[in-house]
Protein backbone atom coordinates (compact mmCIF):
# COMPACT_ATOMS: atom_id res chain seq x y z
CA UNK A 1 9.01 35.57 -4.54
CA UNK A 2 5.92 37.55 -5.51
CA UNK A 3 2.87 37.55 -3.28
CA UNK A 4 -0.18 35.79 -4.68
CA UNK A 5 -3.62 37.33 -4.59
CA UNK A 6 -6.43 35.44 -2.89
CA UNK A 7 -7.87 34.34 -6.25
CA UNK A 8 -4.44 33.16 -7.44
CA UNK A 9 -4.04 31.16 -4.24
CA UNK A 10 -7.49 29.58 -4.69
CA UNK A 11 -6.50 28.42 -8.18
CA UNK A 12 -3.30 26.85 -6.85
CA UNK A 13 -4.85 25.31 -3.77
CA UNK A 14 -8.61 24.75 -3.91
CA UNK A 15 -10.23 24.57 -0.46
CA UNK A 16 -10.17 21.03 0.90
CA UNK A 17 -7.44 19.88 -1.49
CA UNK A 18 -4.25 19.93 0.55
CA UNK A 19 -2.69 17.45 -1.86
CA UNK A 20 -2.74 20.17 -4.57
CA UNK A 21 -0.82 22.51 -2.27
CA UNK A 22 1.70 19.79 -1.46
CA UNK A 23 2.27 18.98 -5.14
CA UNK A 24 2.53 22.67 -6.08
CA UNK A 25 5.09 23.19 -3.31
CA UNK A 26 7.11 20.34 -4.80
CA UNK A 27 6.78 21.69 -8.35
CA UNK A 28 8.13 25.12 -7.39
CA UNK A 29 10.96 23.63 -5.34
CA UNK A 30 9.74 24.34 -1.82
CA UNK A 31 9.48 20.62 -1.00
CA UNK A 32 11.92 17.87 -1.93
CA UNK A 33 10.54 14.61 -3.32
CA UNK A 34 10.98 12.91 0.08
CA UNK A 35 9.28 15.82 1.87
CA UNK A 36 6.35 15.72 -0.56
CA UNK A 37 6.06 11.95 -0.11
CA UNK A 38 6.07 12.12 3.69
CA UNK A 39 3.78 15.16 3.79
CA UNK A 40 1.18 13.21 1.79
CA UNK A 41 1.43 10.25 4.17
CA UNK A 42 1.18 12.51 7.24
CA UNK A 43 -2.02 13.94 5.75
CA UNK A 44 -3.37 10.42 5.09
CA UNK A 45 -2.67 9.46 8.71
CA UNK A 46 -4.28 12.66 9.98
CA UNK A 47 -7.34 12.01 7.81
CA UNK A 48 -7.72 8.48 9.16
CA UNK A 49 -8.01 9.89 12.68
CA UNK A 50 -10.22 12.81 11.63
CA UNK A 51 -12.68 10.77 9.60
CA UNK A 52 -12.80 7.75 11.90
CA UNK A 53 -12.75 9.48 15.27
CA UNK A 54 -15.78 7.58 16.54
CA UNK A 55 -14.20 4.18 15.80
CA UNK A 56 -11.51 4.35 18.51
CA UNK A 57 -8.69 3.83 16.02
CA UNK A 58 -5.04 3.95 17.04
CA UNK A 59 -1.58 4.03 15.50
CA UNK A 60 -1.57 0.23 15.75
CA UNK A 61 -4.45 -0.18 13.27
CA UNK A 62 -3.25 -1.94 10.11
CA UNK A 63 -4.00 0.90 7.69
CA UNK A 64 -2.33 3.57 9.85
CA UNK A 65 0.62 1.28 10.62
CA UNK A 66 1.03 0.77 6.86
CA UNK A 67 1.03 4.54 6.26
CA UNK A 68 3.58 5.05 9.06
CA UNK A 69 5.73 2.30 7.53
CA UNK A 70 5.81 4.26 4.26
CA UNK A 71 7.29 7.39 5.86
CA UNK A 72 10.80 7.98 4.52
CA UNK A 73 12.21 10.67 6.84
CA UNK A 74 12.74 8.39 9.86
CA UNK A 75 14.69 5.94 7.68
CA UNK A 76 17.12 8.64 6.53
CA UNK A 77 18.56 9.57 9.92
CA UNK A 78 21.91 8.18 11.06
CA UNK A 79 20.34 5.95 13.70
CA UNK A 80 16.78 5.22 12.51
CA UNK A 81 14.17 4.98 15.25
CA UNK A 82 12.34 1.67 15.13
CA UNK A 83 9.82 2.19 17.90
CA UNK A 84 6.10 2.63 18.07
CA UNK A 85 4.09 4.12 15.20
CA UNK A 86 2.95 7.17 17.14
CA UNK A 87 6.54 8.21 17.88
CA UNK A 88 7.59 7.59 14.27
CA UNK A 89 4.66 9.76 13.11
CA UNK A 90 5.63 12.55 15.53
CA UNK A 91 9.29 12.28 14.52
CA UNK A 92 8.38 12.55 10.83
CA UNK A 93 6.12 15.55 11.40
CA UNK A 94 8.82 17.27 13.45
CA UNK A 95 11.52 16.58 10.86
CA UNK A 96 9.31 17.92 8.08
CA UNK A 97 8.48 21.01 10.15
CA UNK A 98 12.14 21.85 10.73
CA UNK A 99 13.03 21.17 7.09
CA UNK A 100 10.34 23.64 6.02
CA UNK A 101 11.42 26.26 8.58
CA UNK A 102 14.98 26.04 7.24
CA UNK A 103 13.72 26.25 3.66
CA UNK A 104 11.65 29.35 4.45
CA UNK A 105 14.71 30.98 6.03
CA UNK A 106 16.76 30.11 2.93
CA UNK A 107 14.08 31.56 0.63
CA UNK A 108 13.94 34.75 2.70
CA UNK A 109 17.73 35.13 2.45
CA UNK A 110 17.57 34.62 -1.33
CA UNK A 111 14.80 37.20 -1.57
CA UNK A 112 16.80 39.76 0.45
CA UNK A 113 19.91 39.08 -1.65
CA UNK A 114 17.90 39.64 -4.86
CA UNK A 115 16.60 42.95 -3.49
CA UNK A 116 20.14 44.08 -2.67
CA UNK A 117 21.29 43.22 -6.21
CA UNK A 118 18.33 45.12 -7.69
CA UNK A 119 19.09 48.17 -5.54
CA UNK A 120 22.77 48.03 -6.49
CA UNK A 121 21.83 47.91 -10.18
CA UNK A 122 19.51 50.89 -9.75
CA UNK A 123 22.26 52.94 -8.08
CA UNK A 124 24.89 52.17 -10.71
């Protein structure tokens, strides 16, 4: 995958618009539809805490509980966890993190394989 210049990156992901980055990652195949969906809800939950920090909100607040209830990752495991919202949030964030780490490793392997093929073609 080619490296993007700073100006190219700004066009893809304007400052303060994480949702653009999430959608672009989905469009180029870095995120699955479920990952994009959950990533957006994790950001919504994070924003509720960040923008309402002085209101003493918690994971039990109706709006946050609704967002947590919309997370899909925890429902896809063999034995879904049906506990408190904070744990479900943490579980979702952790599952997304590991999915992305694995995807990055896969992309790096593909990139190395492409370089080997290019070198082999140059030699022959």
